[in-house]
Amino acid sequence: HTATLLPNGRVLIAGGMERAGATAELYDPARGSFAPAGRLASERSGGHAAVLLTSGKVLLAGGWTGRAVTRSAELYDPASGSFAVTGAMNSPRSGYTATLLPTTGKVLIVGGFDGNARLASAELYDPQTGTFASTGNMTQPRAEHASALLPDGRVLVTGGNRASGQVLASAEIYDP
């Protein structure tokens, strides 16, 4: 599952193995309690990502459906408490990273596993159009890696693994 801190201080918990990965809850730290937050538009059993957008909405994309890796994406709107489908990623992805690029408001989606192979591809989600577009590839495919936004707006992508199961000790930088 994913856990995303919302602007109102609550935490959106979405997806996971329970109930086929299509449920969500809100955690209220002031009360120390959880409450149902509705059903996701698509099942997300694991390997998906959630990113808080500059609008306050949350992008949820990819992951396992329980049977396959999906390329579907959706938005959670805290104001309405609802989920809505948005454009689909170009590739199905699980075990990838998603990083908000604050200067543009776009989300960088990097690498992952498509159900058959590790991916070197990357794409950008544009919340203004609700679409994903390809961007530069990494030098090597990787999944289960980490990404961090650097102070200058670039994104550091580190570690992960490749198809052979070999753990990677390399890093790459994405420059928007």
Protein backbone atom coordinates (compact mmCIF):
# COMPACT_ATOMS: atom_id res chain seq x y z
CA HIS A 1 0.00 0.00 0.00
CA THR A 2 0.97 3.63 -0.09
CA ALA A 3 0.69 6.33 2.56
CA THR A 4 0.46 9.97 1.45
CA LEU A 5 0.34 12.99 3.76
CA LEU A 6 -2.44 15.31 2.57
CA PRO A 7 -2.46 19.13 2.95
CA ASN A 8 -5.17 18.83 5.65
CA GLY A 9 -2.85 16.71 7.84
CA ARG A 10 -4.61 13.42 7.21
CA VAL A 11 -2.87 10.47 5.58
CA LEU A 12 -4.33 8.61 2.58
CA ILE A 13 -3.63 4.86 2.80
CA ALA A 14 -4.36 3.30 -0.61
CA GLY A 15 -4.25 -0.17 -2.11
CA GLY A 16 -2.49 -3.23 -0.74
CA MET A 17 -3.20 -6.93 -0.49
CA GLU A 18 -6.38 -6.77 1.59
CA ARG A 19 -9.73 -6.85 -0.27
CA ALA A 20 -8.06 -7.10 -3.68
CA GLY A 21 -6.19 -3.81 -3.28
CA ALA A 22 -9.02 -1.49 -4.24
CA THR A 23 -9.74 0.11 -0.87
CA ALA A 24 -8.47 3.26 0.79
CA GLU A 25 -8.54 4.74 4.26
CA LEU A 26 -7.79 8.09 5.83
CA TYR A 27 -5.77 8.31 9.03
CA ASP A 28 -6.55 11.30 11.24
CA PRO A 29 -3.56 11.94 13.54
CA ALA A 30 -5.54 14.37 15.72
CA ARG A 31 -8.00 11.61 16.61
CA GLY A 32 -5.63 8.67 16.17
CA SER A 33 -8.24 6.90 14.05
CA PHE A 34 -8.83 5.49 10.56
CA ALA A 35 -11.93 5.96 8.40
CA PRO A 36 -12.90 4.51 4.99
CA ALA A 37 -11.93 6.71 2.03
CA GLY A 38 -13.79 4.88 -0.70
CA ARG A 39 -12.74 2.51 -3.46
CA LEU A 40 -9.95 3.05 -5.92
CA ALA A 41 -10.91 3.03 -9.59
CA SER A 42 -8.41 0.18 -10.16
CA GLU A 43 -7.02 -2.59 -8.00
CA ARG A 44 -3.49 -1.86 -6.71
CA SER A 45 -2.21 -4.82 -4.69
CA GLY A 46 1.36 -3.54 -4.43
CA GLY A 47 4.24 -2.00 -6.32
CA HIS A 48 2.26 1.15 -7.16
CA ALA A 49 3.21 4.71 -6.26
CA ALA A 50 1.31 7.68 -4.86
CA VAL A 51 2.42 11.31 -5.23
CA LEU A 52 0.87 14.45 -3.76
CA LEU A 53 0.44 16.92 -6.62
CA THR A 54 0.72 20.70 -6.26
CA SER A 55 -3.10 20.86 -6.59
CA GLY A 56 -3.49 18.82 -3.40
CA LYS A 57 -4.76 15.79 -5.33
CA VAL A 58 -2.92 12.46 -5.17
CA LEU A 59 -1.76 10.58 -8.27
CA LEU A 60 -1.87 6.77 -7.86
CA ALA A 61 -0.42 4.77 -10.73
CA GLY A 62 0.66 1.29 -11.79
CA GLY A 63 1.33 -1.66 -9.54
CA TRP A 64 0.02 -5.20 -9.47
CA THR A 65 -3.67 -5.93 -9.98
CA GLY A 66 -3.27 -9.33 -8.36
CA ARG A 67 -2.90 -10.93 -11.80
CA ALA A 68 -0.75 -8.56 -13.84
CA VAL A 69 1.09 -5.25 -13.76
CA THR A 70 -1.10 -2.33 -14.80
CA ARG A 71 -0.50 0.99 -16.54
CA SER A 72 -3.68 2.57 -15.17
CA ALA A 73 -3.62 5.76 -13.11
CA GLU A 74 -6.12 7.69 -11.03
CA LEU A 75 -6.44 10.78 -8.89
CA TYR A 76 -7.72 11.07 -5.34
CA ASP A 77 -9.35 14.42 -4.58
CA PRO A 78 -9.38 15.14 -0.82
CA ALA A 79 -11.95 17.93 -1.33
CA SER A 80 -14.55 15.53 -2.74
CA GLY A 81 -13.20 12.35 -1.13
CA SER A 82 -13.36 10.55 -4.47
CA PHE A 83 -11.15 8.71 -6.95
CA ALA A 84 -11.26 9.39 -10.70
CA VAL A 85 -9.45 7.78 -13.62
CA THR A 86 -6.79 9.84 -15.39
CA GLY A 87 -4.59 8.99 -18.39
CA ALA A 88 -2.71 5.68 -18.41
CA MET A 89 1.07 5.33 -18.28
CA ASN A 90 2.82 4.35 -21.51
CA SER A 91 4.13 1.14 -19.89
CA PRO A 92 2.75 -1.07 -17.15
CA ARG A 93 4.97 -0.58 -14.09
CA SER A 94 5.53 -2.02 -10.65
CA GLY A 95 8.44 -1.30 -8.32
CA TYR A 96 9.21 2.05 -9.94
CA THR A 97 9.69 5.52 -8.47
CA ALA A 98 7.55 8.61 -8.86
CA THR A 99 8.96 12.05 -8.04
CA LEU A 100 7.15 15.39 -8.11
CA LEU A 101 9.11 18.02 -10.04
CA PRO A 102 8.10 21.19 -8.17
CA THR A 103 9.20 23.64 -10.87
CA THR A 104 6.78 22.18 -13.43
CA GLY A 105 4.28 20.30 -11.24
CA LYS A 106 4.87 17.20 -13.38
CA VAL A 107 5.67 13.76 -11.97
CA LEU A 108 8.72 11.79 -13.12
CA ILE A 109 8.03 8.04 -13.40
CA VAL A 110 11.26 6.00 -13.63
CA GLY A 111 12.04 2.33 -14.32
CA GLY A 112 10.23 -0.57 -12.67
CA PHE A 113 9.05 -3.98 -13.80
CA ASP A 114 6.41 -4.50 -16.50
CA GLY A 115 5.60 -8.11 -15.62
CA ASN A 116 8.29 -9.50 -17.93
CA ALA A 117 11.38 -7.28 -17.70
CA ARG A 118 13.03 -4.44 -15.79
CA LEU A 119 12.55 -1.07 -17.51
CA ALA A 120 15.02 1.68 -18.42
CA SER A 121 12.23 3.93 -19.67
CA ALA A 122 10.90 7.01 -17.94
CA GLU A 123 7.80 9.15 -18.44
CA LEU A 124 6.31 12.38 -17.18
CA TYR A 125 2.75 12.81 -15.89
CA ASP A 126 1.30 16.24 -16.63
CA PRO A 127 -1.56 17.04 -14.22
CA GLN A 128 -2.72 19.88 -16.49
CA THR A 129 -3.53 17.47 -19.34
CA GLY A 130 -3.91 14.22 -17.37
CA THR A 131 -1.47 12.49 -19.73
CA PHE A 132 1.85 10.66 -19.60
CA ALA A 133 4.64 11.35 -22.10
CA SER A 134 7.93 9.52 -22.62
CA THR A 135 11.12 11.23 -21.53
CA GLY A 136 14.80 10.18 -21.57
CA ASN A 137 15.71 6.58 -20.72
CA MET A 138 18.07 5.53 -17.96
CA THR A 139 21.40 3.99 -18.97
CA GLN A 140 20.30 0.63 -17.55
CA PRO A 141 17.02 -1.02 -16.61
CA ARG A 142 16.24 -1.13 -12.90
CA ALA A 143 13.39 -1.91 -10.52
CA GLU A 144 12.94 -1.61 -6.74
CA HIS A 145 15.28 1.39 -6.75
CA ALA A 146 15.08 4.74 -4.93
CA SER A 147 14.82 8.30 -6.22
CA ALA A 148 15.37 11.63 -4.50
CA LEU A 149 14.70 15.18 -5.64
CA LEU A 150 17.91 17.22 -5.41
CA PRO A 151 17.90 20.91 -4.35
CA ASP A 152 18.67 22.00 -7.95
CA GLY A 153 15.58 20.20 -9.36
CA ARG A 154 17.38 17.17 -10.76
CA VAL A 155 16.44 13.65 -9.60
CA LEU A 156 18.95 11.12 -8.26
CA VAL A 157 18.05 7.47 -9.06
CA THR A 158 19.98 4.88 -7.05
CA GLY A 159 20.34 1.13 -6.64
CA GLY A 160 17.62 -1.36 -7.44
CA ASN A 161 18.02 -4.60 -9.30
CA ARG A 162 18.23 -5.85 -12.85
CA ALA A 163 16.69 -8.84 -14.61
CA SER A 164 19.41 -11.23 -13.48
CA GLY A 165 18.50 -10.39 -9.90
CA GLN A 166 21.81 -8.60 -9.51
CA VAL A 167 21.64 -5.71 -7.06
CA LEU A 168 22.83 -2.49 -8.65
CA ALA A 169 25.40 -0.28 -6.92
CA SER A 170 25.03 2.47 -9.52
CA ALA A 171 23.29 5.82 -9.67
CA GLU A 172 21.95 8.05 -12.44
CA ILE A 173 20.70 11.63 -12.54
CA TYR A 174 17.64 12.84 -14.43
CA ASP A 175 17.85 16.48 -15.48
CA PRO A 176 14.47 17.98 -16.39
